[in-house]
């Protein structure tokens, strides 16, 4: 096989290591989806390092401009959200690209994601070491009806049901 005429760049090396060829288990319990939202997109490399330092392994990455339909159907149940919050969520995701990550972390992947990303929607209520606290906006957007919307930097599943939904939708991106 002939050698390439160019040297591998650091970006190519990192990309190759991030999209390695490991077999992804069909068991949902050891993988989950984490989405770095548009407001934190410029900090995605630091966020990925933080996920890795927490013991999670990034199996695959996709940079995507998520559509309103995807956000509505795949990430949030608009029937379960007040209309102003559902609309703010869609505007938030439409404001720029997102980094969609498939992460592996053993049977406790969801627990580890919640601990690393943050438990609360409001970044200021999260632990100071979390992604939401570090990269989220601590001043909410004021919505009609006295509702508030926080740009909290990252989406992660809160339970196994959400993890299964997110994983199914990740594969369709």
Protein backbone atom coordinates (compact mmCIF):
# COMPACT_ATOMS: atom_id res chain seq x y z
CA UNK A 1 0.00 0.00 0.00
CA UNK A 2 1.52 3.39 -0.96
CA UNK A 3 2.24 5.92 1.77
CA UNK A 4 0.31 9.17 1.93
CA UNK A 5 2.16 12.25 0.80
CA UNK A 6 1.02 14.35 3.72
CA UNK A 7 1.55 14.14 7.44
CA UNK A 8 -1.40 13.63 9.72
CA UNK A 9 -2.51 16.87 11.36
CA UNK A 10 -3.37 17.01 15.09
CA UNK A 11 -7.01 17.59 14.13
CA UNK A 12 -7.04 14.46 11.97
CA UNK A 13 -5.41 12.45 14.76
CA UNK A 14 -7.98 13.63 17.31
CA UNK A 15 -10.83 13.01 14.88
CA UNK A 16 -9.60 9.48 14.23
CA UNK A 17 -9.30 8.74 17.94
CA UNK A 18 -12.78 10.13 18.63
CA UNK A 19 -14.40 8.05 15.93
CA UNK A 20 -12.60 4.85 16.80
CA UNK A 21 -13.80 1.49 15.66
CA UNK A 22 -14.93 0.01 18.99
CA UNK A 23 -18.02 -2.11 18.92
CA UNK A 24 -20.98 -0.35 20.51
CA UNK A 25 -22.93 -2.71 22.69
CA UNK A 26 -26.60 -3.13 21.78
CA UNK A 27 -27.33 -2.78 25.50
CA UNK A 28 -28.52 0.79 26.01
CA UNK A 29 -27.43 0.84 29.66
CA UNK A 30 -23.78 1.54 28.90
CA UNK A 31 -24.14 4.32 26.28
CA UNK A 32 -25.99 7.62 26.23
CA UNK A 33 -26.26 10.80 24.22
CA UNK A 34 -25.03 14.19 25.40
CA UNK A 35 -25.63 17.30 23.30
CA UNK A 36 -23.50 20.40 23.62
CA UNK A 37 -25.94 23.18 22.82
CA UNK A 38 -25.21 26.15 20.52
CA UNK A 39 -24.40 28.56 23.37
CA UNK A 40 -21.57 26.27 24.55
CA UNK A 41 -20.46 25.08 21.10
CA UNK A 42 -17.27 27.17 21.15
CA UNK A 43 -16.30 25.38 24.39
CA UNK A 44 -16.96 21.90 23.01
CA UNK A 45 -13.35 20.69 23.23
CA UNK A 46 -13.11 21.68 26.91
CA UNK A 47 -16.48 20.03 27.56
CA UNK A 48 -15.38 16.82 25.82
CA UNK A 49 -12.22 16.82 27.98
CA UNK A 50 -14.36 17.28 31.08
CA UNK A 51 -16.56 14.33 30.09
CA UNK A 52 -13.47 12.18 29.50
CA UNK A 53 -11.91 13.27 32.82
CA UNK A 54 -15.10 12.18 34.59
CA UNK A 55 -14.58 8.64 33.32
CA UNK A 56 -16.84 8.79 30.28
CA UNK A 57 -15.58 7.78 26.85
CA UNK A 58 -16.69 9.66 23.72
CA UNK A 59 -17.48 6.99 21.16
CA UNK A 60 -18.77 9.24 18.38
CA UNK A 61 -19.24 12.95 17.67
CA UNK A 62 -21.49 14.70 15.16
CA UNK A 63 -21.73 18.43 14.57
CA UNK A 64 -25.31 19.19 13.54
CA UNK A 65 -27.67 22.08 13.16
CA UNK A 66 -30.67 20.53 14.89
CA UNK A 67 -34.03 21.31 13.32
CA UNK A 68 -37.12 22.48 15.19
CA UNK A 69 -38.78 19.19 14.26
CA UNK A 70 -35.90 17.14 15.68
CA UNK A 71 -35.88 19.15 18.92
CA UNK A 72 -39.64 18.86 19.28
CA UNK A 73 -39.96 15.20 18.37
CA UNK A 74 -36.66 13.78 19.53
CA UNK A 75 -35.54 15.72 22.58
CA UNK A 76 -38.47 17.25 24.38
CA UNK A 77 -42.11 16.39 24.64
CA UNK A 78 -43.79 19.70 23.79
CA UNK A 79 -46.98 18.43 25.39
CA UNK A 80 -45.14 18.24 28.70
CA UNK A 81 -43.68 21.76 28.45
CA UNK A 82 -45.42 25.12 28.67
CA UNK A 83 -45.61 26.60 25.16
CA UNK A 84 -43.21 29.53 25.89
CA UNK A 85 -40.53 27.10 27.17
CA UNK A 86 -40.98 24.76 24.19
CA UNK A 87 -40.60 27.73 21.83
CA UNK A 88 -37.54 29.06 23.72
CA UNK A 89 -35.97 25.58 23.52
CA UNK A 90 -36.47 25.48 19.78
CA UNK A 91 -35.03 29.01 19.36
CA UNK A 92 -32.06 28.00 21.50
CA UNK A 93 -31.20 24.96 19.37
CA UNK A 94 -31.84 26.90 16.15
CA UNK A 95 -29.33 29.59 17.19
CA UNK A 96 -26.34 27.58 15.91
CA UNK A 97 -24.71 24.19 15.59
CA UNK A 98 -24.73 21.59 18.34
CA UNK A 99 -22.16 18.89 19.06
CA UNK A 100 -23.96 15.57 19.50
CA UNK A 101 -21.92 13.03 21.47
CA UNK A 102 -22.38 9.33 22.01
CA UNK A 103 -20.70 8.47 25.30
CA UNK A 104 -19.95 5.20 27.00
CA UNK A 105 -19.56 4.86 30.73
CA UNK A 106 -20.57 1.43 31.90
CA UNK A 107 -23.83 0.68 33.67
CA UNK A 108 -23.76 4.05 35.45
CA UNK A 109 -23.43 6.20 32.30
CA UNK A 110 -26.62 8.19 33.02
CA UNK A 111 -25.65 8.80 36.63
CA UNK A 112 -22.17 9.90 35.55
CA UNK A 113 -23.63 12.21 32.87
CA UNK A 114 -26.02 13.82 35.36
CA UNK A 115 -23.14 14.35 37.81
CA UNK A 116 -20.84 15.78 35.12
CA UNK A 117 -23.35 17.85 33.13
CA UNK A 118 -25.47 18.97 36.09
CA UNK A 119 -28.65 17.97 37.84
CA UNK A 120 -30.69 21.16 37.53
CA UNK A 121 -31.91 23.11 34.50
CA UNK A 122 -30.76 26.37 36.12
CA UNK A 123 -26.94 26.36 35.82
CA UNK A 124 -26.52 28.44 38.99
CA UNK A 125 -28.16 25.63 40.99
CA UNK A 126 -25.72 23.01 39.69
CA UNK A 127 -22.50 22.02 41.38
CA UNK A 128 -19.69 24.45 40.51
CA UNK A 129 -17.69 21.72 38.71
CA UNK A 130 -20.46 20.79 36.28
CA UNK A 131 -20.69 21.64 32.60
CA UNK A 132 -23.95 23.52 33.09
CA UNK A 133 -22.50 25.67 35.87
CA UNK A 134 -19.25 26.38 34.02
CA UNK A 135 -20.65 26.99 30.53
CA UNK A 136 -24.35 27.74 31.01
CA UNK A 137 -25.95 31.16 31.33
CA UNK A 138 -26.78 32.05 34.92
CA UNK A 139 -29.27 34.76 34.00
CA UNK A 140 -32.47 33.29 32.54
CA UNK A 141 -34.42 34.55 29.58
CA UNK A 142 -37.68 35.99 30.90
CA UNK A 143 -40.67 34.49 29.10
CA UNK A 144 -44.34 35.36 29.07
CA UNK A 145 -46.36 34.29 32.08
CA UNK A 146 -43.40 34.76 34.43
CA UNK A 147 -41.64 31.65 33.08
CA UNK A 148 -37.85 31.49 32.82
CA UNK A 149 -35.60 29.72 30.36
CA UNK A 150 -31.96 28.92 31.08
CA UNK A 151 -29.39 28.31 28.37
CA UNK A 152 -27.69 25.51 30.26
CA UNK A 153 -24.99 24.44 27.78
CA UNK A 154 -25.80 20.72 27.48
CA UNK A 155 -28.58 18.19 27.16
CA UNK A 156 -28.27 14.80 28.82
CA UNK A 157 -30.87 12.15 29.65
CA UNK A 158 -32.30 12.21 33.15
CA UNK A 159 -33.29 8.54 33.17
CA UNK A 160 -33.21 5.29 31.18
CA UNK A 161 -36.38 6.16 29.22
CA UNK A 162 -34.84 9.41 27.94
CA UNK A 163 -31.54 7.63 27.26
CA UNK A 164 -33.27 5.07 25.05
CA UNK A 165 -35.18 7.80 23.16
CA UNK A 166 -32.00 9.87 22.68
CA UNK A 167 -30.00 6.86 21.50
CA UNK A 168 -32.66 5.93 18.92
CA UNK A 169 -32.70 9.49 17.62
CA UNK A 170 -28.90 9.75 17.58
CA UNK A 171 -28.71 6.81 15.21
CA UNK A 172 -31.14 8.58 12.87
CA UNK A 173 -29.16 11.86 12.71
